[in-house]
N, C-alpha and C. Protein backbone atom coordinates (compact mmCIF):
# COMPACT_ATOMS: atom_id res chain seq x y z
N MET A 1 0.89 -1.14 -0.02
CA MET A 1 -0.03 -0.06 0.04
C MET A 1 0.80 1.12 0.00
N ARG A 2 0.54 2.18 -0.63
CA ARG A 2 1.14 3.57 -0.73
C ARG A 2 0.22 4.73 -0.07
N ILE A 3 0.67 4.93 1.13
CA ILE A 3 -0.36 5.53 2.15
C ILE A 3 0.02 7.10 2.05
N PHE A 4 -0.83 8.03 1.85
CA PHE A 4 -0.81 9.47 1.88
C PHE A 4 -1.43 9.86 3.18
N GLY A 5 -1.24 11.12 3.61
CA GLY A 5 -2.07 11.50 4.79
C GLY A 5 -2.63 12.77 4.47
N VAL A 6 -3.79 13.06 5.33
CA VAL A 6 -4.34 14.52 5.19
C VAL A 6 -4.71 14.86 6.65
N ILE A 7 -4.32 16.35 6.98
CA ILE A 7 -4.71 16.91 8.27
C ILE A 7 -5.95 17.80 7.94
N LEU A 8 -6.94 17.36 8.58
CA LEU A 8 -8.36 18.13 8.44
C LEU A 8 -8.31 19.25 9.32
N ALA A 9 -8.16 20.31 8.58
CA ALA A 9 -8.25 21.69 9.29
C ALA A 9 -9.30 22.65 8.71
N GLY A 10 -10.32 21.86 8.17
CA GLY A 10 -11.26 22.87 7.43
C GLY A 10 -12.37 23.43 8.41
N GLY A 11 -12.41 22.99 9.71
CA GLY A 11 -13.46 23.51 10.87
C GLY A 11 -12.82 24.73 11.42
N MET A 12 -13.89 25.35 11.85
CA MET A 12 -13.45 26.65 12.63
C MET A 12 -13.62 26.27 14.10
N GLY A 13 -12.82 26.78 14.88
CA GLY A 13 -12.81 26.40 16.56
C GLY A 13 -13.76 27.49 17.19
N ARG A 14 -15.17 27.25 17.04
CA ARG A 14 -16.06 28.28 17.60
C ARG A 14 -16.07 28.19 19.20
N ARG A 15 -15.57 27.03 19.82
CA ARG A 15 -15.37 27.09 21.33
C ARG A 15 -14.00 27.52 21.75
N MET A 16 -13.26 27.86 20.93
CA MET A 16 -11.99 28.63 21.30
C MET A 16 -12.33 30.00 21.62
N GLY A 17 -12.82 30.46 22.59
CA GLY A 17 -13.12 31.81 22.94
C GLY A 17 -11.99 32.60 23.42
N ALA A 18 -12.14 33.96 23.46
CA ALA A 18 -11.22 34.69 23.99
C ALA A 18 -12.08 35.63 25.30
N GLY A 19 -11.14 35.97 26.27
CA GLY A 19 -11.73 36.60 27.36
C GLY A 19 -12.45 35.89 28.14
N GLY A 20 -11.91 34.84 28.85
CA GLY A 20 -12.65 34.13 29.79
C GLY A 20 -13.54 32.95 29.05
N GLY A 21 -13.30 32.64 27.88
CA GLY A 21 -13.91 31.54 27.34
C GLY A 21 -15.24 32.18 26.49
N ARG A 22 -15.27 33.38 26.37
CA ARG A 22 -16.38 33.90 25.49
C ARG A 22 -16.30 33.30 24.10
N VAL A 23 -17.34 32.62 23.58
CA VAL A 23 -17.29 32.32 22.12
C VAL A 23 -17.23 33.27 21.30
N GLN A 24 -16.47 33.18 20.05
CA GLN A 24 -16.18 34.24 19.04
C GLN A 24 -17.27 33.81 17.99
N ASP A 25 -18.04 34.86 17.48
CA ASP A 25 -18.91 34.36 16.51
C ASP A 25 -18.04 33.88 15.13
N ALA A 26 -16.92 34.35 14.92
CA ALA A 26 -16.21 33.85 13.81
C ALA A 26 -15.43 32.58 13.90
N GLY A 27 -15.32 32.29 15.33
CA GLY A 27 -14.31 31.08 15.66
C GLY A 27 -12.94 31.62 15.61
N ALA A 28 -12.06 30.45 15.64
CA ALA A 28 -10.64 30.70 15.65
C ALA A 28 -10.30 29.77 14.42
N ASP A 29 -9.07 30.15 13.89
CA ASP A 29 -8.30 29.14 12.90
C ASP A 29 -7.53 28.25 13.86
N LYS A 30 -8.16 27.03 13.84
CA LYS A 30 -7.38 25.99 14.72
C LYS A 30 -6.00 25.79 14.50
N ALA A 31 -5.90 25.68 13.06
CA ALA A 31 -4.59 25.34 12.45
C ALA A 31 -3.37 26.08 13.07
N LEU A 32 -3.64 27.58 13.24
CA LEU A 32 -2.57 28.48 13.64
C LEU A 32 -2.73 28.75 15.24
N LEU A 33 -3.55 28.15 16.05
CA LEU A 33 -3.42 28.42 17.41
C LEU A 33 -2.17 27.82 17.83
N ALA A 34 -1.47 28.51 18.95
CA ALA A 34 -0.22 28.18 19.45
C ALA A 34 -0.49 27.07 20.52
N LEU A 35 0.38 26.23 20.56
CA LEU A 35 0.58 25.12 21.75
C LEU A 35 2.05 25.08 21.94
N ALA A 36 2.48 25.31 23.02
CA ALA A 36 4.04 25.29 23.30
C ALA A 36 4.74 26.17 22.30
N GLY A 37 4.32 27.28 21.89
CA GLY A 37 4.85 28.24 21.09
C GLY A 37 5.05 27.95 19.56
N ARG A 38 3.97 26.78 19.20
CA ARG A 38 4.05 26.25 17.92
C ARG A 38 2.69 26.17 17.35
N PRO A 39 2.34 26.37 16.22
CA PRO A 39 0.84 26.15 15.60
C PRO A 39 0.42 24.66 15.87
N LEU A 40 -0.68 24.44 16.07
CA LEU A 40 -1.35 23.11 16.28
C LEU A 40 -1.18 22.50 15.02
N LEU A 41 -0.99 22.99 13.88
CA LEU A 41 -0.84 22.44 12.40
C LEU A 41 0.60 21.65 12.51
N ALA A 42 1.51 22.40 13.01
CA ALA A 42 2.98 21.95 13.19
C ALA A 42 3.07 20.63 13.91
N HIS A 43 2.54 20.55 15.21
CA HIS A 43 2.22 19.46 16.03
C HIS A 43 1.58 18.25 15.12
N ALA A 44 0.70 18.62 14.59
CA ALA A 44 0.01 17.50 13.55
C ALA A 44 0.96 16.98 12.54
N ILE A 45 1.69 17.90 12.12
CA ILE A 45 2.54 17.48 10.91
C ILE A 45 3.79 16.63 11.44
N ASP A 46 4.22 16.95 12.68
CA ASP A 46 5.27 16.19 13.46
C ASP A 46 4.81 14.76 13.65
N ARG A 47 3.56 14.58 13.85
CA ARG A 47 2.94 13.35 14.43
C ARG A 47 2.75 12.34 13.14
N LEU A 48 2.28 12.92 11.87
CA LEU A 48 1.65 12.20 10.72
C LEU A 48 2.88 12.07 9.90
N SER A 49 3.73 13.14 9.57
CA SER A 49 4.43 13.18 8.47
C SER A 49 5.48 11.98 8.26
N PRO A 50 5.84 11.50 9.51
CA PRO A 50 6.84 10.21 9.35
C PRO A 50 6.16 8.98 9.03
N GLN A 51 4.77 8.93 9.25
CA GLN A 51 3.99 7.85 9.02
C GLN A 51 3.26 7.63 7.47
N VAL A 52 3.86 8.53 6.70
CA VAL A 52 2.93 8.53 5.23
C VAL A 52 3.92 9.01 4.38
N ALA A 53 3.49 8.57 3.10
CA ALA A 53 4.64 8.91 2.12
C ALA A 53 4.51 10.28 1.51
N ALA A 54 3.23 11.04 1.81
CA ALA A 54 2.95 12.36 1.30
C ALA A 54 2.00 13.01 2.11
N LEU A 55 2.06 14.13 2.36
CA LEU A 55 1.04 14.95 3.48
C LEU A 55 0.37 16.01 2.86
N ALA A 56 -0.89 16.53 2.93
CA ALA A 56 -1.43 17.64 2.67
C ALA A 56 -2.48 18.17 3.83
N VAL A 57 -2.85 19.41 3.61
CA VAL A 57 -3.76 20.06 4.61
C VAL A 57 -5.12 20.17 3.83
N SER A 58 -6.23 19.64 4.52
CA SER A 58 -7.50 20.08 4.03
C SER A 58 -7.98 21.36 4.86
N ALA A 59 -8.03 22.43 3.87
CA ALA A 59 -8.56 23.79 4.69
C ALA A 59 -9.09 24.66 3.76
N ASN A 60 -10.16 25.43 4.12
CA ASN A 60 -10.80 26.34 3.27
C ASN A 60 -10.26 27.92 3.52
N GLY A 61 -10.71 28.82 2.83
CA GLY A 61 -10.33 30.05 2.94
C GLY A 61 -9.07 30.29 2.29
N ASP A 62 -8.39 31.35 2.58
CA ASP A 62 -7.04 31.88 1.96
C ASP A 62 -5.91 30.87 2.13
N PRO A 63 -5.42 30.12 1.25
CA PRO A 63 -4.52 29.23 1.58
C PRO A 63 -3.09 29.75 1.82
N ALA A 64 -2.95 31.33 1.53
CA ALA A 64 -1.65 31.72 1.74
C ALA A 64 -1.20 31.57 3.07
N ARG A 65 -2.28 31.63 4.22
CA ARG A 65 -1.77 31.78 5.51
C ARG A 65 -1.14 30.58 5.87
N LEU A 66 -1.29 29.34 5.16
CA LEU A 66 -0.62 28.01 5.53
C LEU A 66 0.52 27.86 4.58
N ALA A 67 0.93 28.69 3.78
CA ALA A 67 2.04 28.60 2.79
C ALA A 67 3.33 28.14 3.31
N GLY A 68 3.60 28.97 4.66
CA GLY A 68 4.79 28.55 5.35
C GLY A 68 5.09 27.11 5.86
N PHE A 69 4.04 26.20 5.81
CA PHE A 69 4.12 24.79 6.07
C PHE A 69 4.55 23.83 4.89
N GLY A 70 4.62 24.43 3.79
CA GLY A 70 5.17 23.61 2.66
C GLY A 70 4.38 22.57 2.08
N LEU A 71 3.26 22.41 2.50
CA LEU A 71 2.24 21.21 2.19
C LEU A 71 1.29 21.81 1.04
N PRO A 72 0.58 20.85 0.28
CA PRO A 72 -0.47 21.28 -0.38
C PRO A 72 -1.80 21.57 0.38
N VAL A 73 -2.35 22.59 -0.03
CA VAL A 73 -3.63 22.88 0.82
C VAL A 73 -4.88 22.50 -0.09
N LEU A 74 -5.55 21.67 0.30
CA LEU A 74 -6.81 21.08 -0.46
C LEU A 74 -8.17 21.80 0.24
N PRO A 75 -8.70 22.58 -0.67
CA PRO A 75 -10.01 23.12 -0.40
C PRO A 75 -11.29 22.01 -0.61
N ASP A 76 -12.30 22.20 0.04
CA ASP A 76 -13.39 21.47 0.10
C ASP A 76 -14.24 21.87 -1.28
N ASP A 77 -14.49 20.87 -2.07
CA ASP A 77 -15.47 21.34 -3.11
C ASP A 77 -16.94 21.69 -2.61
N ARG A 78 -17.47 20.85 -1.60
CA ARG A 78 -18.76 21.15 -0.77
C ARG A 78 -18.40 21.13 0.58
N PRO A 79 -18.24 22.07 1.32
CA PRO A 79 -17.79 22.00 2.70
C PRO A 79 -18.90 21.64 3.73
N VAL A 80 -19.16 20.25 3.84
CA VAL A 80 -20.29 19.95 4.92
C VAL A 80 -19.62 19.12 6.08
N GLY A 81 -18.17 19.14 6.24
CA GLY A 81 -17.73 18.65 7.36
C GLY A 81 -16.49 17.90 7.08
N PRO A 82 -16.19 16.91 8.09
CA PRO A 82 -14.65 16.11 7.73
C PRO A 82 -14.67 15.31 6.49
N LEU A 83 -15.98 14.84 5.99
CA LEU A 83 -16.05 13.98 4.89
C LEU A 83 -15.65 14.73 3.61
N SER A 84 -15.92 16.05 3.56
CA SER A 84 -15.66 16.86 2.40
C SER A 84 -13.99 16.88 2.37
N GLY A 85 -13.36 16.96 3.48
CA GLY A 85 -11.89 17.08 3.43
C GLY A 85 -11.30 15.74 3.05
N ILE A 86 -11.81 14.75 3.41
CA ILE A 86 -11.40 13.31 3.26
C ILE A 86 -11.60 13.12 1.70
N LEU A 87 -12.74 13.51 0.91
CA LEU A 87 -13.05 13.42 -0.29
C LEU A 87 -11.94 14.07 -1.27
N SER A 88 -11.63 15.26 -0.83
CA SER A 88 -10.58 16.28 -1.56
C SER A 88 -9.16 15.38 -1.48
N ALA A 89 -9.13 14.88 -0.26
CA ALA A 89 -7.61 14.13 -0.22
C ALA A 89 -7.77 12.62 -0.92
N LEU A 90 -8.73 12.13 -1.08
CA LEU A 90 -8.72 10.84 -1.84
C LEU A 90 -8.47 11.23 -3.21
N ILE A 91 -9.02 12.36 -3.88
CA ILE A 91 -8.98 12.65 -5.22
C ILE A 91 -7.30 13.15 -5.48
N TRP A 92 -6.91 13.89 -4.63
CA TRP A 92 -5.64 14.30 -4.69
C TRP A 92 -4.65 13.15 -4.64
N ALA A 93 -4.84 12.21 -3.54
CA ALA A 93 -3.87 11.23 -3.44
C ALA A 93 -4.11 10.16 -4.62
N GLY A 94 -5.33 9.88 -4.95
CA GLY A 94 -5.45 8.98 -6.23
C GLY A 94 -4.90 9.64 -7.41
N GLY A 95 -4.71 10.56 -7.63
CA GLY A 95 -4.25 11.14 -8.96
C GLY A 95 -2.67 11.12 -8.59
N GLN A 96 -2.08 10.72 -7.54
CA GLN A 96 -0.48 10.61 -7.46
C GLN A 96 -0.17 9.09 -7.20
N GLY A 97 -1.20 8.29 -7.42
CA GLY A 97 -0.88 6.70 -7.16
C GLY A 97 -0.93 6.16 -5.86
N ALA A 98 -1.58 7.08 -5.01
CA ALA A 98 -1.61 6.42 -3.71
C ALA A 98 -2.65 5.38 -3.49
N THR A 99 -2.67 4.68 -2.59
CA THR A 99 -3.79 3.66 -2.54
C THR A 99 -4.62 3.90 -1.48
N ALA A 100 -4.28 4.67 -0.46
CA ALA A 100 -5.10 5.16 0.66
C ALA A 100 -4.64 6.30 1.47
N VAL A 101 -5.53 7.12 2.16
CA VAL A 101 -5.27 8.23 2.82
C VAL A 101 -5.55 7.89 4.30
N VAL A 102 -4.66 8.37 5.19
CA VAL A 102 -4.98 8.43 6.52
C VAL A 102 -5.25 9.77 7.05
N SER A 103 -6.38 10.12 7.64
CA SER A 103 -7.00 11.30 7.92
C SER A 103 -6.80 11.67 9.59
N VAL A 104 -6.36 12.83 9.98
CA VAL A 104 -6.45 13.20 11.31
C VAL A 104 -6.80 14.36 11.41
N PRO A 105 -7.50 14.89 12.75
CA PRO A 105 -7.76 16.28 12.90
C PRO A 105 -6.61 17.05 13.38
N VAL A 106 -6.45 18.39 12.84
CA VAL A 106 -5.56 19.28 13.25
C VAL A 106 -5.42 19.53 14.80
N ASP A 107 -6.48 19.37 15.57
CA ASP A 107 -6.41 19.78 16.96
C ASP A 107 -6.30 18.42 17.81
N ALA A 108 -5.45 17.54 17.55
CA ALA A 108 -5.03 16.30 18.13
C ALA A 108 -3.62 16.28 18.14
N PRO A 109 -2.93 16.99 19.05
CA PRO A 109 -1.41 17.05 18.91
C PRO A 109 -0.72 15.97 19.67
N PHE A 110 -1.43 14.84 20.27
CA PHE A 110 -0.82 13.61 20.96
C PHE A 110 -0.88 12.29 20.13
N LEU A 111 -1.30 12.40 18.83
CA LEU A 111 -1.54 11.22 18.02
C LEU A 111 -0.52 10.16 18.22
N PRO A 112 -0.79 9.02 18.20
CA PRO A 112 0.17 7.72 18.35
C PRO A 112 1.12 7.89 17.06
N GLY A 113 2.20 7.44 17.48
CA GLY A 113 3.30 7.27 16.55
C GLY A 113 3.30 6.01 15.52
N ASP A 114 2.15 5.18 15.98
CA ASP A 114 2.15 4.03 15.26
C ASP A 114 0.49 3.88 14.64
N LEU A 115 -0.10 5.11 14.52
CA LEU A 115 -1.39 5.37 14.00
C LEU A 115 -1.49 4.72 12.61
N THR A 116 -0.61 5.05 11.54
CA THR A 116 -0.77 4.28 10.25
C THR A 116 -0.71 2.75 10.32
N PRO A 117 0.48 2.51 10.77
CA PRO A 117 0.58 0.99 10.89
C PRO A 117 -0.63 0.12 11.42
N ARG A 118 -1.21 0.56 12.46
CA ARG A 118 -2.15 -0.07 13.14
C ARG A 118 -3.37 -0.10 12.23
N LEU A 119 -3.78 1.08 11.44
CA LEU A 119 -4.85 1.43 10.83
C LEU A 119 -4.69 0.33 9.54
N CYS A 120 -3.53 0.21 9.00
CA CYS A 120 -3.25 -0.43 7.72
C CYS A 120 -3.46 -1.92 8.11
N LEU A 121 -2.95 -2.45 9.50
CA LEU A 121 -3.22 -3.81 9.83
C LEU A 121 -4.69 -4.10 9.90
N ALA A 122 -5.39 -3.29 10.46
CA ALA A 122 -6.94 -3.33 10.51
C ALA A 122 -7.58 -3.45 9.20
N ALA A 123 -7.06 -2.59 8.41
CA ALA A 123 -7.78 -2.59 7.18
C ALA A 123 -7.46 -3.81 6.28
N GLU A 124 -6.38 -4.57 6.53
CA GLU A 124 -6.28 -5.90 5.86
C GLU A 124 -7.16 -6.83 5.86
N THR A 125 -8.28 -6.56 7.02
CA THR A 125 -9.29 -7.54 7.16
C THR A 125 -10.49 -7.26 6.17
N GLY A 126 -10.43 -6.27 5.38
CA GLY A 126 -11.47 -5.97 4.48
C GLY A 126 -10.90 -5.11 3.44
N GLN A 127 -12.16 -4.70 2.69
CA GLN A 127 -11.85 -3.80 1.50
C GLN A 127 -12.39 -2.24 1.70
N GLY A 128 -12.69 -1.88 2.97
CA GLY A 128 -13.11 -0.61 3.45
C GLY A 128 -12.22 0.14 4.16
N PRO A 129 -12.82 1.22 4.80
CA PRO A 129 -11.91 1.94 5.62
C PRO A 129 -11.61 1.36 7.06
N ALA A 130 -10.70 1.94 7.69
CA ALA A 130 -10.39 1.46 9.13
C ALA A 130 -10.31 2.74 10.00
N ILE A 131 -10.83 2.52 11.33
CA ILE A 131 -11.12 3.62 12.14
C ILE A 131 -10.45 3.38 13.46
N ALA A 132 -9.77 4.22 14.02
CA ALA A 132 -9.21 4.28 15.22
C ALA A 132 -10.24 4.30 16.44
N ARG A 133 -9.83 3.34 17.53
CA ARG A 133 -10.65 2.97 18.73
C ARG A 133 -9.79 3.01 19.84
N ALA A 134 -10.19 3.63 20.79
CA ALA A 134 -9.31 3.58 22.08
C ALA A 134 -10.42 3.88 23.25
N GLY A 135 -10.06 3.00 24.50
CA GLY A 135 -10.84 3.34 25.59
C GLY A 135 -12.46 3.04 25.38
N GLY A 136 -12.59 2.31 24.46
CA GLY A 136 -14.24 2.01 24.17
C GLY A 136 -14.84 3.00 23.39
N ARG A 137 -14.09 3.97 22.87
CA ARG A 137 -14.36 5.21 22.22
C ARG A 137 -13.98 4.90 20.71
N THR A 138 -14.79 5.32 19.86
CA THR A 138 -14.12 5.32 18.47
C THR A 138 -13.69 6.89 17.96
N HIS A 139 -12.81 7.01 17.09
CA HIS A 139 -12.38 8.41 16.60
C HIS A 139 -12.45 8.33 15.17
N PRO A 140 -13.60 8.57 14.50
CA PRO A 140 -13.84 8.45 13.27
C PRO A 140 -13.00 9.32 12.28
N VAL A 141 -12.50 10.42 12.85
CA VAL A 141 -11.78 11.16 11.96
C VAL A 141 -10.35 10.87 11.85
N CYS A 142 -10.09 9.76 12.69
CA CYS A 142 -8.67 9.17 12.58
C CYS A 142 -8.84 7.78 11.91
N GLY A 143 -8.75 7.97 10.64
CA GLY A 143 -9.10 6.73 9.77
C GLY A 143 -8.21 6.53 8.61
N LEU A 144 -8.33 5.30 8.03
CA LEU A 144 -7.66 5.08 6.79
C LEU A 144 -8.75 4.79 5.76
N TRP A 145 -8.83 5.61 4.56
CA TRP A 145 -9.72 5.59 3.44
C TRP A 145 -9.01 5.07 2.13
N PRO A 146 -9.42 3.89 1.81
CA PRO A 146 -8.92 3.60 0.22
C PRO A 146 -9.28 4.59 -0.68
N VAL A 147 -8.46 4.87 -1.73
CA VAL A 147 -8.78 6.06 -2.73
C VAL A 147 -9.96 5.45 -3.47
N ALA A 148 -10.08 4.25 -3.71
CA ALA A 148 -11.18 3.65 -4.41
C ALA A 148 -12.71 3.97 -3.79
N LEU A 149 -12.81 4.56 -2.62
CA LEU A 149 -13.93 4.85 -2.01
C LEU A 149 -14.34 6.20 -2.49
N ALA A 150 -13.31 6.89 -3.19
CA ALA A 150 -13.74 8.41 -3.75
C ALA A 150 -15.26 8.48 -4.28
N PRO A 151 -15.51 7.99 -5.36
CA PRO A 151 -16.71 7.87 -6.03
C PRO A 151 -17.92 7.55 -5.19
N ASP A 152 -17.82 6.57 -4.32
CA ASP A 152 -18.95 6.60 -3.25
C ASP A 152 -19.19 7.54 -2.43
N LEU A 153 -17.99 8.16 -1.84
CA LEU A 153 -18.12 9.33 -0.96
C LEU A 153 -18.58 10.36 -1.68
N ALA A 154 -18.14 10.70 -2.84
CA ALA A 154 -18.70 11.92 -3.59
C ALA A 154 -20.39 11.63 -3.69
N ALA A 155 -20.73 10.42 -4.11
CA ALA A 155 -22.27 10.20 -4.16
C ALA A 155 -22.99 10.23 -2.87
N PHE A 156 -22.42 9.80 -1.86
CA PHE A 156 -22.83 10.07 -0.35
C PHE A 156 -23.04 11.45 0.05
N LEU A 157 -21.93 12.35 -0.34
CA LEU A 157 -22.19 13.95 0.16
C LEU A 157 -23.31 14.45 -0.91
N ALA A 158 -23.07 14.07 -2.14
CA ALA A 158 -24.28 14.70 -3.14
C ALA A 158 -25.59 14.30 -2.83
N SER A 159 -25.77 13.19 -2.02
CA SER A 159 -27.41 12.73 -1.70
C SER A 159 -28.09 13.35 -0.97
N GLY A 160 -27.43 14.20 -0.08
CA GLY A 160 -28.10 15.07 0.87
C GLY A 160 -28.22 14.45 2.26
N ALA A 161 -27.69 13.37 2.39
CA ALA A 161 -27.70 12.65 3.69
C ALA A 161 -26.80 13.35 4.51
N LYS A 162 -27.07 13.11 5.96
CA LYS A 162 -26.46 13.99 6.96
C LYS A 162 -24.90 13.37 6.78
N PRO A 163 -23.84 14.19 6.85
CA PRO A 163 -22.58 13.85 6.42
C PRO A 163 -21.87 13.20 7.78
N ARG A 164 -22.34 12.27 8.34
CA ARG A 164 -21.73 11.76 9.49
C ARG A 164 -20.63 10.76 9.15
N VAL A 165 -19.37 11.07 9.71
CA VAL A 165 -18.28 10.03 9.36
C VAL A 165 -18.43 8.65 9.37
N MET A 166 -19.06 8.17 10.72
CA MET A 166 -19.20 6.75 11.05
C MET A 166 -20.53 6.35 10.21
N ASP A 167 -21.51 7.16 9.79
CA ASP A 167 -22.40 6.57 8.75
C ASP A 167 -21.78 5.94 7.49
N PHE A 168 -21.17 6.81 7.03
CA PHE A 168 -20.33 6.23 5.59
C PHE A 168 -19.27 5.04 5.91
N ALA A 169 -18.50 5.23 6.99
CA ALA A 169 -17.68 4.20 7.41
C ALA A 169 -18.31 3.04 7.63
N THR A 170 -19.42 2.74 8.34
CA THR A 170 -20.21 1.84 8.68
C THR A 170 -20.80 1.03 7.36
N ALA A 171 -21.35 1.88 6.45
CA ALA A 171 -21.94 1.34 5.36
C ALA A 171 -20.86 0.82 4.30
N HIS A 172 -19.66 0.99 4.67
CA HIS A 172 -18.72 0.34 3.89
C HIS A 172 -17.73 -0.65 4.78
N ARG A 173 -18.48 -1.15 5.91
CA ARG A 173 -17.91 -2.15 6.53
C ARG A 173 -16.37 -1.82 7.12
N ALA A 174 -16.44 -0.77 7.88
CA ALA A 174 -15.12 -0.17 8.49
C ALA A 174 -14.71 -1.37 9.50
N ALA A 175 -13.38 -1.62 9.51
CA ALA A 175 -12.66 -2.14 10.42
C ALA A 175 -12.16 -1.14 11.55
N PHE A 176 -11.74 -1.66 12.60
CA PHE A 176 -11.35 -0.92 13.81
C PHE A 176 -9.92 -1.31 14.27
N ALA A 177 -9.29 -0.29 14.36
CA ALA A 177 -7.90 -0.51 15.04
C ALA A 177 -7.83 0.10 16.28
N ASP A 178 -7.57 -0.95 17.26
CA ASP A 178 -7.57 -0.59 18.75
C ASP A 178 -6.29 -0.08 19.44
N PHE A 179 -6.31 1.13 20.06
CA PHE A 179 -5.15 1.48 20.53
C PHE A 179 -5.15 1.66 22.16
N PRO A 180 -4.18 1.60 23.00
CA PRO A 180 -4.09 1.45 24.34
C PRO A 180 -4.53 2.70 24.98
N ASP A 181 -4.19 3.88 24.42
CA ASP A 181 -4.16 5.25 25.07
C ASP A 181 -5.22 6.17 24.62
N ASP A 182 -6.29 6.21 25.22
CA ASP A 182 -7.33 7.09 24.53
C ASP A 182 -6.93 8.58 24.62
N GLY A 183 -6.10 8.82 25.52
CA GLY A 183 -5.66 10.25 25.62
C GLY A 183 -4.90 10.78 24.42
N ALA A 184 -4.14 9.67 23.56
CA ALA A 184 -3.57 10.20 22.43
C ALA A 184 -4.49 10.72 21.48
N PHE A 185 -5.71 10.54 21.55
CA PHE A 185 -6.75 11.23 20.49
C PHE A 185 -7.46 12.41 21.24
N THR A 186 -7.05 12.91 22.33
CA THR A 186 -7.56 14.06 22.65
C THR A 186 -7.63 15.23 21.87
N ASN A 187 -9.05 16.02 21.53
CA ASN A 187 -9.19 16.94 20.87
C ASN A 187 -8.95 18.11 21.72
N LEU A 188 -8.41 19.31 21.27
CA LEU A 188 -8.28 20.59 21.85
C LEU A 188 -9.58 21.46 21.28
N ASN A 189 -10.58 21.47 21.99
CA ASN A 189 -11.82 22.10 21.45
C ASN A 189 -12.08 23.55 22.37
N THR A 190 -11.43 23.78 23.42
CA THR A 190 -11.80 24.90 24.26
C THR A 190 -10.44 25.60 24.80
N PRO A 191 -10.56 26.79 25.29
CA PRO A 191 -9.28 27.19 26.00
C PRO A 191 -8.69 26.46 27.11
N ALA A 192 -9.79 25.76 27.79
CA ALA A 192 -9.25 24.93 28.97
C ALA A 192 -8.64 23.77 28.39
N ASP A 193 -9.07 23.15 27.13
CA ASP A 193 -8.35 22.11 26.68
C ASP A 193 -6.81 22.50 26.37
N LEU A 194 -6.72 23.56 25.55
CA LEU A 194 -5.55 24.16 25.24
C LEU A 194 -4.56 24.42 26.32
N ALA A 195 -5.08 24.92 27.43
CA ALA A 195 -4.24 24.99 28.65
C ALA A 195 -3.59 23.76 29.39
N ALA A 196 -4.78 22.71 29.26
CA ALA A 196 -4.16 21.35 29.79
C ALA A 196 -3.16 20.74 28.85
N ALA A 197 -3.19 20.79 27.68
CA ALA A 197 -2.27 20.52 26.67
C ALA A 197 -0.99 21.03 27.21
N GLU A 198 -1.00 22.44 27.30
CA GLU A 198 0.31 23.04 27.63
C GLU A 198 1.03 22.51 28.76
N ALA A 199 0.03 22.38 29.75
CA ALA A 199 0.72 21.88 31.21
C ALA A 199 1.23 20.44 30.95
N LEU A 200 0.45 19.65 30.15
CA LEU A 200 0.95 18.28 29.81
C LEU A 200 2.34 18.22 29.31
N LEU A 201 2.60 19.04 28.28
CA LEU A 201 3.75 19.27 27.56
C LEU A 201 4.91 19.60 28.27
N LYS A 202 4.72 20.67 29.32
CA LYS A 202 5.48 21.24 30.32
C LYS A 202 6.03 20.14 31.13
N GLU A 203 5.13 19.33 31.72
CA GLU A 203 5.26 18.22 32.64
C GLU A 203 6.17 17.08 32.21
N HIS A 204 5.97 16.76 30.77
CA HIS A 204 6.82 15.90 30.34
C HIS A 204 7.99 16.35 29.33
N GLY A 205 8.27 17.46 29.53
CA GLY A 205 9.44 18.24 28.82
C GLY A 205 9.33 18.49 27.60
């Protein structure tokens, strides 16, 4: 398998408020939020880049703001959630001869170093996607998606169905890759989450 990766940064951090947690109407650009003095996108790149043959960012808006990271920026054709970014990544990766794409969210800075190998191992049990699972919880945005699913995913999004990642994954008989540490999939959704992550990084040097 030739595996590419995509960091999903298309959503806005509407719960990343300013001033005591007040929600900002416009939200925050999570990719550029600082954690330990570096943007969240940089942390995600550090985690996923060694595990894939090529890497891109799924993001809408002005791509110039992400130019400094040196990665392709893939806009959504129809922005309706994470599946839109996954579809853009499948089309991009398929055009370059990849067999599958591993997706991760931009706001999960502690992802496992063996995410891709475990997902690949789980995917060997079938022809569909593989989804990360830890501590009894599924993490649908952390998954492996064969590029052959691109036409089906495009049709799913065009159908008007509510674009839930697990609905699409289940319809295609997703396998599950089990991980021992649920904390590795922690998402930073609020200022309190960001502060806790800062404290954790300082504690572990």
